[in-house]
């Protein structure tokens, strides 16, 4: 508000009739906000953020925080005049707006960077490009609660140090679990590899580790090779199974949920961790050809066809000018479609 140059917003409000504009910048800088567990914020009032900054804060870093249970609010909120702040490696869960820069033509909410954060819901409202030049890069929206291991470790570390926690604190599981398919799309009767990784986040290691993979009826899974029963602090263990899709299909494209469970003990306490992924089974196209300008999945069952794809608005209604689609057609139509795309 009072930094050199001020803000046209405050000129318009008459603020400078009562407050001065300084000749040198204010002293707020080099702020570090890290490893905090922030929840239950803004249960009544609307405008605000779970982590909130107002005005310039050169070289400030907001990182490795876990934010959840937001009420009528924003996860990471940079208000008027916020400048030169880096927000990275934060986990924002169940927010209506996970990141917000209150930037308009009459204020200076500029030159901030949101990088490599994770969120599962909520809008991204970051004013990138001129004149504000805020940057949004490497941020990942996570589906179905399948947080990557790096995000799970942020969740585990956030809040009071693990060694100081008591039964009155939120005590997260000391290990993270993820499951990843080598190929997410499988033809009828085809196989893919599914891997599960367990990583120890604590300083005591894991004991009696057991991993199990479950698949829907009609699918089959080969036994995974043996994995170590004990995991040293900070280390990880990975098991890989071969999964086979049903030989016949009842629908052109079908989704199959694959679940992994990990049971183990840490510091004498038993835990169970779970993770899931989705495989897509497709029936082979027998009389049509396919083409996708974006990654697309095609399937056929009898005389029924399906395409699983996602692309930008080809008509540019929102300013986009891409031609992204998946197409299954007779060869002549396919050749014409490719020619038009070229």
C-alpha atoms as a PDB file:
ATOM      1  CA  UNK A   1       0.000   0.000   0.000  1.00  0.00           C
ATOM      2  CA  UNK A   2       2.733   2.456   0.962  1.00  0.00           C
ATOM      3  CA  UNK A   3       5.600   1.269  -1.224  1.00  0.00           C
ATOM      4  CA  UNK A   4       7.123   3.674  -3.777  1.00  0.00           C
ATOM      5  CA  UNK A   5       4.605   4.306  -6.534  1.00  0.00           C
ATOM      6  CA  UNK A   6       1.706   3.116  -4.427  1.00  0.00           C
ATOM      7  CA  UNK A   7      -1.301   1.582  -6.144  1.00  0.00           C
ATOM      8  CA  UNK A   8      -3.993   3.135  -8.267  1.00  0.00           C
ATOM      9  CA  UNK A   9      -6.508   1.035  -6.315  1.00  0.00           C
ATOM     10  CA  UNK A  10      -5.667   3.008  -3.173  1.00  0.00           C
ATOM     11  CA  UNK A  11      -5.638   6.291  -5.056  1.00  0.00           C
ATOM     12  CA  UNK A  12      -9.186   5.531  -6.173  1.00  0.00           C
ATOM     13  CA  UNK A  13     -10.209   4.684  -2.591  1.00  0.00           C
ATOM     14  CA  UNK A  14      -8.757   7.890  -1.161  1.00  0.00           C
ATOM     15  CA  UNK A  15      -6.264   6.014   1.019  1.00  0.00           C
ATOM     16  CA  UNK A  16      -3.483   8.503   0.339  1.00  0.00           C
ATOM     17  CA  UNK A  17      -5.588  11.312   1.726  1.00  0.00           C
ATOM     18  CA  UNK A  18      -4.695   9.791   5.112  1.00  0.00           C
ATOM     19  CA  UNK A  19      -1.523   7.747   4.523  1.00  0.00           C
ATOM     20  CA  UNK A  20       1.700   8.592   2.776  1.00  0.00           C
ATOM     21  CA  UNK A  21       3.578   6.830  -0.016  1.00  0.00           C
ATOM     22  CA  UNK A  22       7.081   6.004   1.190  1.00  0.00           C
ATOM     23  CA  UNK A  23      10.220   6.957  -0.704  1.00  0.00           C
ATOM     24  CA  UNK A  24      11.902   3.600   0.046  1.00  0.00           C
ATOM     25  CA  UNK A  25      10.387   0.079  -0.009  1.00  0.00           C
ATOM     26  CA  UNK A  26       8.924  -1.357   3.174  1.00  0.00           C
ATOM     27  CA  UNK A  27      10.988  -3.936   5.028  1.00  0.00           C
ATOM     28  CA  UNK A  28       8.966  -7.108   4.434  1.00  0.00           C
ATOM     29  CA  UNK A  29      11.209  -9.528   2.501  1.00  0.00           C
ATOM     30  CA  UNK A  30      12.773 -12.993   2.572  1.00  0.00           C
ATOM     31  CA  UNK A  31       9.746 -14.472   4.364  1.00  0.00           C
ATOM     32  CA  UNK A  32       9.756 -18.269   4.689  1.00  0.00           C
ATOM     33  CA  UNK A  33       6.477 -20.156   5.252  1.00  0.00           C
ATOM     34  CA  UNK A  34       7.210 -23.882   5.223  1.00  0.00           C
ATOM     35  CA  UNK A  35       6.053 -27.311   6.477  1.00  0.00           C
ATOM     36  CA  UNK A  36       2.807 -26.016   7.989  1.00  0.00           C
ATOM     37  CA  UNK A  37      -0.404 -28.016   8.415  1.00  0.00           C
ATOM     38  CA  UNK A  38      -3.220 -25.544   7.702  1.00  0.00           C
ATOM     39  CA  UNK A  39      -6.865 -26.606   7.981  1.00  0.00           C
ATOM     40  CA  UNK A  40     -10.315 -25.513   9.096  1.00  0.00           C
ATOM     41  CA  UNK A  41      -9.779 -21.965   7.823  1.00  0.00           C
ATOM     42  CA  UNK A  42     -12.442 -19.332   7.058  1.00  0.00           C
ATOM     43  CA  UNK A  43     -15.481 -21.209   8.335  1.00  0.00           C
ATOM     44  CA  UNK A  44     -17.700 -18.115   8.264  1.00  0.00           C
ATOM     45  CA  UNK A  45     -16.320 -15.251   6.200  1.00  0.00           C
ATOM     46  CA  UNK A  46     -15.599 -15.548   2.493  1.00  0.00           C
ATOM     47  CA  UNK A  47     -12.697 -13.374   1.318  1.00  0.00           C
ATOM     48  CA  UNK A  48      -9.375 -14.754   2.484  1.00  0.00           C
ATOM     49  CA  UNK A  49      -6.829 -17.493   2.077  1.00  0.00           C
ATOM     50  CA  UNK A  50      -5.431 -20.360   4.093  1.00  0.00           C
ATOM     51  CA  UNK A  51      -1.996 -18.887   3.328  1.00  0.00           C
ATOM     52  CA  UNK A  52      -2.330 -15.202   2.509  1.00  0.00           C
ATOM     53  CA  UNK A  53       0.073 -12.431   1.505  1.00  0.00           C
ATOM     54  CA  UNK A  54      -0.551  -8.707   1.026  1.00  0.00           C
ATOM     55  CA  UNK A  55       1.927  -6.393  -0.738  1.00  0.00           C
ATOM     56  CA  UNK A  56       5.491  -6.826  -1.913  1.00  0.00           C
ATOM     57  CA  UNK A  57       7.600  -9.553  -0.285  1.00  0.00           C
ATOM     58  CA  UNK A  58      10.859  -9.874  -2.261  1.00  0.00           C
ATOM     59  CA  UNK A  59      12.462 -13.339  -2.232  1.00  0.00           C
ATOM     60  CA  UNK A  60       9.705 -14.818  -0.057  1.00  0.00           C
ATOM     61  CA  UNK A  61       9.254 -18.601  -0.282  1.00  0.00           C
ATOM     62  CA  UNK A  62       6.046 -20.472   0.587  1.00  0.00           C
ATOM     63  CA  UNK A  63       6.763 -24.178   0.270  1.00  0.00           C
ATOM     64  CA  UNK A  64       5.985 -27.700   1.496  1.00  0.00           C
ATOM     65  CA  UNK A  65       2.736 -26.732   3.244  1.00  0.00           C
ATOM     66  CA  UNK A  66      -0.334 -28.997   3.415  1.00  0.00           C
ATOM     67  CA  UNK A  67      -3.662 -27.177   3.218  1.00  0.00           C
ATOM     68  CA  UNK A  68      -7.010 -28.937   3.574  1.00  0.00           C
ATOM     69  CA  UNK A  69     -10.551 -28.425   4.916  1.00  0.00           C
ATOM     70  CA  UNK A  70     -10.868 -24.945   3.404  1.00  0.00           C
ATOM     71  CA  UNK A  71     -14.210 -23.226   3.967  1.00  0.00           C
ATOM     72  CA  UNK A  72     -15.343 -20.588   1.444  1.00  0.00           C
ATOM     73  CA  UNK A  73     -11.777 -19.581   0.776  1.00  0.00           C
ATOM     74  CA  UNK A  74      -8.642 -19.833  -1.342  1.00  0.00           C
ATOM     75  CA  UNK A  75      -5.710 -22.144  -0.692  1.00  0.00           C
ATOM     76  CA  UNK A  76      -2.808 -19.892  -1.751  1.00  0.00           C
ATOM     77  CA  UNK A  77      -3.902 -16.237  -1.918  1.00  0.00           C
ATOM     78  CA  UNK A  78      -1.699 -13.370  -3.141  1.00  0.00           C
ATOM     79  CA  UNK A  79      -3.603 -10.163  -2.558  1.00  0.00           C
ATOM     80  CA  UNK A  80      -3.088  -6.652  -3.896  1.00  0.00           C
ATOM     81  CA  UNK A  81       0.487  -5.708  -4.644  1.00  0.00           C
ATOM     82  CA  UNK A  82       2.012  -9.094  -3.805  1.00  0.00           C
ATOM     83  CA  UNK A  83       5.296  -9.310  -5.707  1.00  0.00           C
ATOM     84  CA  UNK A  84       8.444 -11.448  -6.058  1.00  0.00           C
ATOM     85  CA  UNK A  85       7.100 -14.497  -4.133  1.00  0.00           C
ATOM     86  CA  UNK A  86       7.756 -18.159  -4.937  1.00  0.00           C
ATOM     87  CA  UNK A  87       5.111 -20.760  -3.989  1.00  0.00           C
ATOM     88  CA  UNK A  88       6.313 -24.314  -4.562  1.00  0.00           C
ATOM     89  CA  UNK A  89       5.762 -27.927  -3.438  1.00  0.00           C
ATOM     90  CA  UNK A  90       2.552 -27.120  -1.575  1.00  0.00           C
ATOM     91  CA  UNK A  91      -0.396 -29.552  -1.367  1.00  0.00           C
ATOM     92  CA  UNK A  92      -3.859 -27.953  -1.559  1.00  0.00           C
ATOM     93  CA  UNK A  93      -6.778 -30.320  -0.991  1.00  0.00           C
ATOM     94  CA  UNK A  94     -10.489 -29.678  -1.623  1.00  0.00           C
ATOM     95  CA  UNK A  95     -10.301 -25.934  -2.309  1.00  0.00           C
ATOM     96  CA  UNK A  96     -12.744 -23.971  -4.444  1.00  0.00           C
ATOM     97  CA  UNK A  97      -9.816 -21.929  -5.770  1.00  0.00           C
ATOM     98  CA  UNK A  98      -6.434 -23.463  -5.047  1.00  0.00           C
ATOM     99  CA  UNK A  99      -4.325 -20.499  -6.253  1.00  0.00           C
ATOM    100  CA  UNK A 100      -5.321 -16.859  -6.703  1.00  0.00           C
ATOM    101  CA  UNK A 101      -3.573 -13.611  -7.605  1.00  0.00           C
ATOM    102  CA  UNK A 102      -5.716 -10.548  -6.971  1.00  0.00           C
ATOM    103  CA  UNK A 103      -4.362  -8.774 -10.033  1.00  0.00           C
ATOM    104  CA  UNK A 104      -6.088  -6.160 -12.151  1.00  0.00           C
ATOM    105  CA  UNK A 105      -5.105  -3.243 -14.355  1.00  0.00           C
ATOM    106  CA  UNK A 106      -4.803  -0.860 -11.427  1.00  0.00           C
ATOM    107  CA  UNK A 107      -2.633  -2.827  -8.988  1.00  0.00           C
ATOM    108  CA  UNK A 108       0.814  -4.384  -8.998  1.00  0.00           C
ATOM    109  CA  UNK A 109       0.329  -8.057  -8.169  1.00  0.00           C
ATOM    110  CA  UNK A 110       3.302  -9.024 -10.307  1.00  0.00           C
ATOM    111  CA  UNK A 111       6.273 -11.341 -10.816  1.00  0.00           C
ATOM    112  CA  UNK A 112       5.202 -14.206  -8.559  1.00  0.00           C
ATOM    113  CA  UNK A 113       5.859 -17.881  -9.331  1.00  0.00           C
ATOM    114  CA  UNK A 114       3.592 -20.864  -8.600  1.00  0.00           C
ATOM    115  CA  UNK A 115       5.649 -23.974  -9.384  1.00  0.00           C
ATOM    116  CA  UNK A 116       5.333 -27.722  -8.791  1.00  0.00           C
ATOM    117  CA  UNK A 117       2.362 -27.561  -6.447  1.00  0.00           C
ATOM    118  CA  UNK A 118      -0.305 -30.291  -6.185  1.00  0.00           C
ATOM    119  CA  UNK A 119      -4.076 -29.825  -5.900  1.00  0.00           C
ATOM    120  CA  UNK A 120      -7.083 -32.081  -6.400  1.00  0.00           C
ATOM    121  CA  UNK A 121      -9.922 -29.610  -6.957  1.00  0.00           C
ATOM    122  CA  UNK A 122     -10.443 -25.911  -7.478  1.00  0.00           C
ATOM    123  CA  UNK A 123      -9.883 -23.237 -10.075  1.00  0.00           C
ATOM    124  CA  UNK A 124      -6.509 -21.783 -11.015  1.00  0.00           C
ATOM    125  CA  UNK A 125      -6.787 -17.994 -11.044  1.00  0.00           C
ATOM    126  CA  UNK A 126      -3.242 -16.804 -11.691  1.00  0.00           C
ATOM    127  CA  UNK A 127      -2.752 -13.724 -13.864  1.00  0.00           C
ATOM    128  CA  UNK A 128       0.058 -14.800 -16.165  1.00  0.00           C
ATOM    129  CA  UNK A 129       1.557 -12.780 -19.016  1.00  0.00           C
ATOM    130  CA  UNK A 130       1.746  -9.014 -19.394  1.00  0.00           C
ATOM    131  CA  UNK A 131       1.350  -6.758 -17.526  1.00  0.00           C
ATOM    132  CA  UNK A 132       1.588  -8.858 -14.356  1.00  0.00           C
ATOM    133  CA  UNK A 133       4.006 -11.572 -15.515  1.00  0.00           C
ATOM    134  CA  UNK A 134       3.111 -14.093 -12.834  1.00  0.00           C
ATOM    135  CA  UNK A 135       4.294 -17.610 -13.686  1.00  0.00           C
ATOM    136  CA  UNK A 136       2.447 -20.922 -13.312  1.00  0.00           C
ATOM    137  CA  UNK A 137       4.582 -23.965 -14.116  1.00  0.00           C
ATOM    138  CA  UNK A 138       4.693 -27.643 -13.225  1.00  0.00           C
ATOM    139  CA  UNK A 139       1.553 -27.569 -11.067  1.00  0.00           C
ATOM    140  CA  UNK A 140      -0.310 -30.896 -11.075  1.00  0.00           C
ATOM    141  CA  UNK A 141      -4.001 -31.621 -10.571  1.00  0.00           C
ATOM    142  CA  UNK A 142      -4.334 -35.023  -8.896  1.00  0.00           C
ATOM    143  CA  UNK A 143      -7.332 -37.254  -9.603  1.00  0.00           C
ATOM    144  CA  UNK A 144      -9.121 -39.604  -7.192  1.00  0.00           C
ATOM    145  CA  UNK A 145      -6.863 -38.839  -4.257  1.00  0.00           C
ATOM    146  CA  UNK A 146      -3.867 -40.537  -5.885  1.00  0.00           C
ATOM    147  CA  UNK A 147      -1.270 -38.100  -4.590  1.00  0.00           C
ATOM    148  CA  UNK A 148       2.290 -38.710  -5.848  1.00  0.00           C
ATOM    149  CA  UNK A 149       4.833 -39.863  -3.297  1.00  0.00           C
ATOM    150  CA  UNK A 150       6.425 -36.411  -3.161  1.00  0.00           C
ATOM    151  CA  UNK A 151       3.042 -34.882  -2.272  1.00  0.00           C
ATOM    152  CA  UNK A 152       2.374 -37.593   0.317  1.00  0.00           C
ATOM    153  CA  UNK A 153       5.708 -36.807   1.944  1.00  0.00           C
ATOM    154  CA  UNK A 154       4.748 -33.114   2.195  1.00  0.00           C
ATOM    155  CA  UNK A 155       1.504 -34.221   3.874  1.00  0.00           C
ATOM    156  CA  UNK A 156       3.415 -36.413   6.320  1.00  0.00           C
ATOM    157  CA  UNK A 157       6.002 -33.773   7.243  1.00  0.00           C
ATOM    158  CA  UNK A 158       3.554 -30.866   7.577  1.00  0.00           C
ATOM    159  CA  UNK A 159       2.803 -29.619  11.071  1.00  0.00           C
ATOM    160  CA  UNK A 160       4.526 -30.405  14.329  1.00  0.00           C
ATOM    161  CA  UNK A 161       7.672 -32.516  13.960  1.00  0.00           C
ATOM    162  CA  UNK A 162       6.806 -36.236  13.873  1.00  0.00           C
ATOM    163  CA  UNK A 163       8.981 -37.005  16.894  1.00  0.00           C
ATOM    164  CA  UNK A 164       7.014 -34.479  18.988  1.00  0.00           C
ATOM    165  CA  UNK A 165       3.501 -35.599  18.032  1.00  0.00           C
ATOM    166  CA  UNK A 166       1.144 -37.019  20.618  1.00  0.00           C
ATOM    167  CA  UNK A 167      -2.236 -38.745  20.455  1.00  0.00           C
ATOM    168  CA  UNK A 168      -3.826 -35.292  20.393  1.00  0.00           C
ATOM    169  CA  UNK A 169      -2.193 -34.532  17.032  1.00  0.00           C
ATOM    170  CA  UNK A 170      -3.076 -35.722  13.560  1.00  0.00           C
ATOM    171  CA  UNK A 171      -0.659 -38.596  12.988  1.00  0.00           C
ATOM    172  CA  UNK A 172      -0.449 -39.568   9.297  1.00  0.00           C
ATOM    173  CA  UNK A 173       0.735 -42.943   8.078  1.00  0.00           C
ATOM    174  CA  UNK A 174       4.548 -43.091   8.036  1.00  0.00           C
ATOM    175  CA  UNK A 175       4.741 -44.447   4.485  1.00  0.00           C
ATOM    176  CA  UNK A 176       3.319 -43.481   1.107  1.00  0.00           C
ATOM    177  CA  UNK A 177       1.875 -45.809  -1.522  1.00  0.00           C
ATOM    178  CA  UNK A 178       1.436 -45.266  -5.276  1.00  0.00           C
ATOM    179  CA  UNK A 179       0.426 -47.580  -8.119  1.00  0.00           C
ATOM    180  CA  UNK A 180       1.340 -47.006 -11.771  1.00  0.00           C
ATOM    181  CA  UNK A 181       0.521 -48.970 -14.942  1.00  0.00           C
ATOM    182  CA  UNK A 182       3.130 -49.292 -17.676  1.00  0.00           C
ATOM    183  CA  UNK A 183       0.317 -48.839 -20.199  1.00  0.00           C
ATOM    184  CA  UNK A 184      -3.079 -47.554 -19.131  1.00  0.00           C
ATOM    185  CA  UNK A 185      -4.867 -48.966 -22.202  1.00  0.00           C
ATOM    186  CA  UNK A 186      -5.044 -52.720 -22.818  1.00  0.00           C
ATOM    187  CA  UNK A 187      -6.553 -54.571 -25.782  1.00  0.00           C
ATOM    188  CA  UNK A 188      -8.887 -57.478 -25.042  1.00  0.00           C
ATOM    189  CA  UNK A 189      -6.740 -60.400 -23.921  1.00  0.00           C
ATOM    190  CA  UNK A 190      -3.685 -58.146 -23.703  1.00  0.00           C
ATOM    191  CA  UNK A 191      -1.329 -57.601 -20.787  1.00  0.00           C
ATOM    192  CA  UNK A 192       0.342 -54.698 -19.041  1.00  0.00           C
ATOM    193  CA  UNK A 193       2.633 -54.246 -16.073  1.00  0.00           C
ATOM    194  CA  UNK A 194       1.339 -52.609 -12.895  1.00  0.00           C
ATOM    195  CA  UNK A 195       3.853 -51.415 -10.298  1.00  0.00           C
ATOM    196  CA  UNK A 196       3.290 -50.385  -6.694  1.00  0.00           C
ATOM    197  CA  UNK A 197       5.855 -48.416  -4.700  1.00  0.00           C
ATOM    198  CA  UNK A 198       5.955 -47.999  -0.929  1.00  0.00           C
ATOM    199  CA  UNK A 199       8.236 -45.303   0.504  1.00  0.00           C
ATOM    200  CA  UNK A 200       9.095 -44.852   4.165  1.00  0.00           C
ATOM    201  CA  UNK A 201       8.825 -41.226   5.321  1.00  0.00           C
ATOM    202  CA  UNK A 202       9.680 -41.770   8.981  1.00  0.00           C
ATOM    203  CA  UNK A 203      13.003 -42.309  10.730  1.00  0.00           C
ATOM    204  CA  UNK A 204      12.346 -45.804  12.095  1.00  0.00           C
ATOM    205  CA  UNK A 205      11.821 -47.946   8.997  1.00  0.00           C
ATOM    206  CA  UNK A 206       9.040 -50.393   8.145  1.00  0.00           C
ATOM    207  CA  UNK A 207       8.665 -54.034   9.174  1.00  0.00           C
ATOM    208  CA  UNK A 208       6.530 -56.971   7.979  1.00  0.00           C
ATOM    209  CA  UNK A 209       5.681 -55.272   4.669  1.00  0.00           C
ATOM    210  CA  UNK A 210       3.155 -57.139   2.517  1.00  0.00           C
ATOM    211  CA  UNK A 211       1.798 -55.967  -0.841  1.00  0.00           C
ATOM    212  CA  UNK A 212      -1.344 -57.192  -2.620  1.00  0.00           C
ATOM    213  CA  UNK A 213      -2.963 -56.215  -5.913  1.00  0.00           C
ATOM    214  CA  UNK A 214      -6.656 -56.736  -6.707  1.00  0.00           C
ATOM    215  CA  UNK A 215      -8.348 -56.582 -10.113  1.00  0.00           C
ATOM    216  CA  UNK A 216     -12.012 -56.828 -11.244  1.00  0.00           C
ATOM    217  CA  UNK A 217     -13.713 -60.092 -12.173  1.00  0.00           C
ATOM    218  CA  UNK A 218     -12.583 -61.351 -15.575  1.00  0.00           C
ATOM    219  CA  UNK A 219      -9.126 -59.856 -15.206  1.00  0.00           C
ATOM    220  CA  UNK A 220      -6.185 -61.917 -13.994  1.00  0.00           C
ATOM    221  CA  UNK A 221      -2.957 -61.025 -12.220  1.00  0.00           C
ATOM    222  CA  UNK A 222       0.258 -62.985 -11.972  1.00  0.00           C
ATOM    223  CA  UNK A 223       1.989 -63.206  -8.613  1.00  0.00           C
ATOM    224  CA  UNK A 224       4.520 -60.480  -8.011  1.00  0.00           C
ATOM    225  CA  UNK A 225       8.107 -61.347  -7.210  1.00  0.00           C
ATOM    226  CA  UNK A 226       9.046 -61.324  -3.554  1.00  0.00           C
ATOM    227  CA  UNK A 227       9.870 -57.961  -2.056  1.00  0.00           C
ATOM    228  CA  UNK A 228      11.833 -57.146   1.112  1.00  0.00           C
ATOM    229  CA  UNK A 229       9.808 -57.425   4.306  1.00  0.00           C
ATOM    230  CA  UNK A 230      11.735 -54.571   5.930  1.00  0.00           C
ATOM    231  CA  UNK A 231      12.316 -51.068   4.552  1.00  0.00           C
ATOM    232  CA  UNK A 232      15.017 -48.788   5.890  1.00  0.00           C
ATOM    233  CA  UNK A 233      14.200 -45.162   6.821  1.00  0.00           C
ATOM    234  CA  UNK A 234      13.747 -43.029   3.733  1.00  0.00           C
ATOM    235  CA  UNK A 235      13.974 -45.990   1.371  1.00  0.00           C
ATOM    236  CA  UNK A 236      11.351 -47.417  -1.005  1.00  0.00           C
ATOM    237  CA  UNK A 237      10.272 -50.823  -2.310  1.00  0.00           C
ATOM    238  CA  UNK A 238       8.593 -51.530  -5.661  1.00  0.00           C
ATOM    239  CA  UNK A 239       6.642 -54.636  -6.736  1.00  0.00           C
ATOM    240  CA  UNK A 240       5.451 -55.281 -10.299  1.00  0.00           C
ATOM    241  CA  UNK A 241       2.609 -57.549 -11.430  1.00  0.00           C
ATOM    242  CA  UNK A 242       1.545 -58.686 -14.910  1.00  0.00           C
ATOM    243  CA  UNK A 243      -2.164 -57.981 -15.417  1.00  0.00           C
ATOM    244  CA  UNK A 244      -4.207 -59.559 -18.244  1.00  0.00           C
ATOM    245  CA  UNK A 245      -7.474 -58.187 -19.618  1.00  0.00           C
ATOM    246  CA  UNK A 246     -10.493 -60.433 -20.376  1.00  0.00           C
ATOM    247  CA  UNK A 247     -10.302 -62.196 -23.746  1.00  0.00           C
ATOM    248  CA  UNK A 248     -13.679 -60.844 -24.864  1.00  0.00           C
ATOM    249  CA  UNK A 249     -15.328 -57.466 -24.427  1.00  0.00           C
ATOM    250  CA  UNK A 250     -18.948 -56.540 -23.755  1.00  0.00           C
ATOM    251  CA  UNK A 251     -18.429 -52.820 -24.461  1.00  0.00           C
ATOM    252  CA  UNK A 252     -16.136 -50.973 -26.889  1.00  0.00           C
ATOM    253  CA  UNK A 253     -14.265 -49.370 -23.989  1.00  0.00           C
ATOM    254  CA  UNK A 254     -14.440 -50.461 -20.348  1.00  0.00           C
ATOM    255  CA  UNK A 255     -12.748 -49.046 -17.273  1.00  0.00           C
ATOM    256  CA  UNK A 256     -11.273 -51.385 -14.658  1.00  0.00           C
ATOM    257  CA  UNK A 257     -10.229 -50.280 -11.164  1.00  0.00           C
ATOM    258  CA  UNK A 258      -6.971 -51.784  -9.925  1.00  0.00           C
ATOM    259  CA  UNK A 259      -6.239 -51.487  -6.208  1.00  0.00           C
ATOM    260  CA  UNK A 260      -3.108 -52.114  -4.184  1.00  0.00           C
ATOM    261  CA  UNK A 261      -2.846 -52.499  -0.420  1.00  0.00           C
ATOM    262  CA  UNK A 262       0.281 -52.359   1.701  1.00  0.00           C
ATOM    263  CA  UNK A 263       0.315 -53.608   5.290  1.00  0.00           C
ATOM    264  CA  UNK A 264       3.283 -52.958   7.536  1.00  0.00           C
ATOM    265  CA  UNK A 265       4.375 -52.046  11.041  1.00  0.00           C
ATOM    266  CA  UNK A 266       6.230 -48.935  12.159  1.00  0.00           C
ATOM    267  CA  UNK A 267       7.386 -48.316  15.725  1.00  0.00           C
ATOM    268  CA  UNK A 268       5.170 -51.196  16.857  1.00  0.00           C
ATOM    269  CA  UNK A 269       1.973 -49.864  15.250  1.00  0.00           C
ATOM    270  CA  UNK A 270       0.201 -51.633  12.356  1.00  0.00           C
ATOM    271  CA  UNK A 271      -0.773 -49.627   9.274  1.00  0.00           C
ATOM    272  CA  UNK A 272      -2.533 -50.273   5.979  1.00  0.00           C
ATOM    273  CA  UNK A 273      -1.934 -48.024   2.971  1.00  0.00           C
ATOM    274  CA  UNK A 274      -3.922 -48.147  -0.267  1.00  0.00           C
ATOM    275  CA  UNK A 275      -3.694 -46.726  -3.766  1.00  0.00           C
ATOM    276  CA  UNK A 276      -5.601 -47.272  -6.993  1.00  0.00           C
ATOM    277  CA  UNK A 277      -5.369 -46.759 -10.709  1.00  0.00           C
ATOM    278  CA  UNK A 278      -7.622 -47.334 -13.696  1.00  0.00           C
ATOM    279  CA  UNK A 279      -6.981 -49.523 -16.726  1.00  0.00           C
ATOM    280  CA  UNK A 280      -8.911 -49.172 -19.984  1.00  0.00           C
ATOM    281  CA  UNK A 281      -9.829 -52.309 -21.924  1.00  0.00           C
ATOM    282  CA  UNK A 282     -10.585 -51.844 -25.611  1.00  0.00           C
ATOM    283  CA  UNK A 283     -12.105 -54.083 -28.261  1.00  0.00           C
ATOM    284  CA  UNK A 284     -10.133 -54.127 -31.511  1.00  0.00           C
ATOM    285  CA  UNK A 285     -11.433 -52.113 -34.474  1.00  0.00           C
ATOM    286  CA  UNK A 286     -12.252 -54.643 -37.182  1.00  0.00           C
ATOM    287  CA  UNK A 287     -13.560 -52.499 -40.045  1.00  0.00           C
ATOM    288  CA  UNK A 288     -12.553 -48.917 -39.259  1.00  0.00           C
ATOM    289  CA  UNK A 289      -9.270 -47.061 -39.112  1.00  0.00           C
ATOM    290  CA  UNK A 290      -8.385 -44.653 -36.334  1.00  0.00           C
ATOM    291  CA  UNK A 291      -6.360 -41.488 -35.896  1.00  0.00           C
ATOM    292  CA  UNK A 292      -5.874 -39.117 -32.965  1.00  0.00           C
ATOM    293  CA  UNK A 293      -4.182 -35.728 -33.040  1.00  0.00           C
ATOM    294  CA  UNK A 294      -4.081 -36.034 -29.243  1.00  0.00           C
ATOM    295  CA  UNK A 295      -3.668 -39.292 -27.286  1.00  0.00           C
ATOM    296  CA  UNK A 296      -6.866 -41.218 -27.998  1.00  0.00           C
ATOM    297  CA  UNK A 297      -8.227 -44.698 -27.244  1.00  0.00           C
ATOM    298  CA  UNK A 298     -10.517 -46.499 -29.696  1.00  0.00           C
ATOM    299  CA  UNK A 299     -12.696 -49.524 -29.136  1.00  0.00           C
ATOM    300  CA  UNK A 300     -15.305 -51.727 -30.808  1.00  0.00           C
ATOM    301  CA  UNK A 301     -17.768 -54.333 -29.540  1.00  0.00           C
ATOM    302  CA  UNK A 302     -19.913 -55.792 -32.308  1.00  0.00           C
ATOM    303  CA  UNK A 303     -21.439 -52.838 -34.140  1.00  0.00           C
ATOM    304  CA  UNK A 304     -20.753 -50.334 -31.349  1.00  0.00           C
ATOM    305  CA  UNK A 305     -17.778 -47.978 -31.321  1.00  0.00           C
ATOM    306  CA  UNK A 306     -16.298 -45.619 -28.765  1.00  0.00           C
ATOM    307  CA  UNK A 307     -13.525 -43.019 -28.616  1.00  0.00           C
ATOM    308  CA  UNK A 308     -11.877 -41.874 -25.395  1.00  0.00           C
ATOM    309  CA  UNK A 309     -10.036 -38.598 -25.966  1.00  0.00           C
ATOM    310  CA  UNK A 310      -9.722 -35.027 -24.789  1.00  0.00           C
ATOM    311  CA  UNK A 311      -8.737 -31.882 -26.670  1.00  0.00           C
ATOM    312  CA  UNK A 312      -9.104 -28.148 -26.924  1.00  0.00           C
ATOM    313  CA  UNK A 313     -12.105 -26.371 -28.442  1.00  0.00           C
ATOM    314  CA  UNK A 314     -11.488 -26.659 -32.186  1.00  0.00           C
ATOM    315  CA  UNK A 315     -13.657 -23.601 -32.910  1.00  0.00           C
ATOM    316  CA  UNK A 316     -11.709 -21.238 -30.694  1.00  0.00           C
ATOM    317  CA  UNK A 317     -14.732 -20.104 -28.692  1.00  0.00           C
ATOM    318  CA  UNK A 318     -12.484 -19.455 -25.704  1.00  0.00           C
ATOM    319  CA  UNK A 319      -9.617 -18.078 -27.775  1.00  0.00           C
ATOM    320  CA  UNK A 320      -8.203 -21.529 -28.600  1.00  0.00           C
ATOM    321  CA  UNK A 321      -7.189 -22.336 -32.156  1.00  0.00           C
ATOM    322  CA  UNK A 322      -6.185 -25.977 -31.906  1.00  0.00           C
ATOM    323  CA  UNK A 323      -7.589 -28.882 -33.880  1.00  0.00           C
ATOM    324  CA  UNK A 324      -7.422 -31.742 -31.385  1.00  0.00           C
ATOM    325  CA  UNK A 325      -9.581 -34.808 -31.869  1.00  0.00           C
ATOM    326  CA  UNK A 326      -9.839 -38.562 -32.140  1.00  0.00           C
ATOM    327  CA  UNK A 327     -11.364 -40.038 -35.311  1.00  0.00           C
ATOM    328  CA  UNK A 328     -12.499 -43.541 -36.280  1.00  0.00           C
ATOM    329  CA  UNK A 329     -13.807 -43.870 -39.827  1.00  0.00           C
ATOM    330  CA  UNK A 330     -13.520 -45.691 -43.105  1.00  0.00           C
ATOM    331  CA  UNK A 331     -10.110 -45.185 -44.682  1.00  0.00           C
ATOM    332  CA  UNK A 332     -11.311 -42.573 -47.228  1.00  0.00           C
ATOM    333  CA  UNK A 333     -12.856 -40.408 -44.494  1.00  0.00           C
ATOM    334  CA  UNK A 334      -9.758 -40.825 -42.356  1.00  0.00           C
ATOM    335  CA  UNK A 335      -7.472 -39.671 -45.152  1.00  0.00           C
ATOM    336  CA  UNK A 336      -9.677 -36.619 -45.721  1.00  0.00           C
ATOM    337  CA  UNK A 337      -9.594 -35.823 -41.985  1.00  0.00           C
ATOM    338  CA  UNK A 338      -5.813 -36.032 -41.888  1.00  0.00           C
ATOM    339  CA  UNK A 339      -5.530 -33.804 -44.957  1.00  0.00           C
ATOM    340  CA  UNK A 340      -7.774 -31.175 -43.380  1.00  0.00           C
ATOM    341  CA  UNK A 341      -5.766 -31.304 -40.145  1.00  0.00           C
ATOM    342  CA  UNK A 342      -2.524 -30.816 -42.103  1.00  0.00           C
END
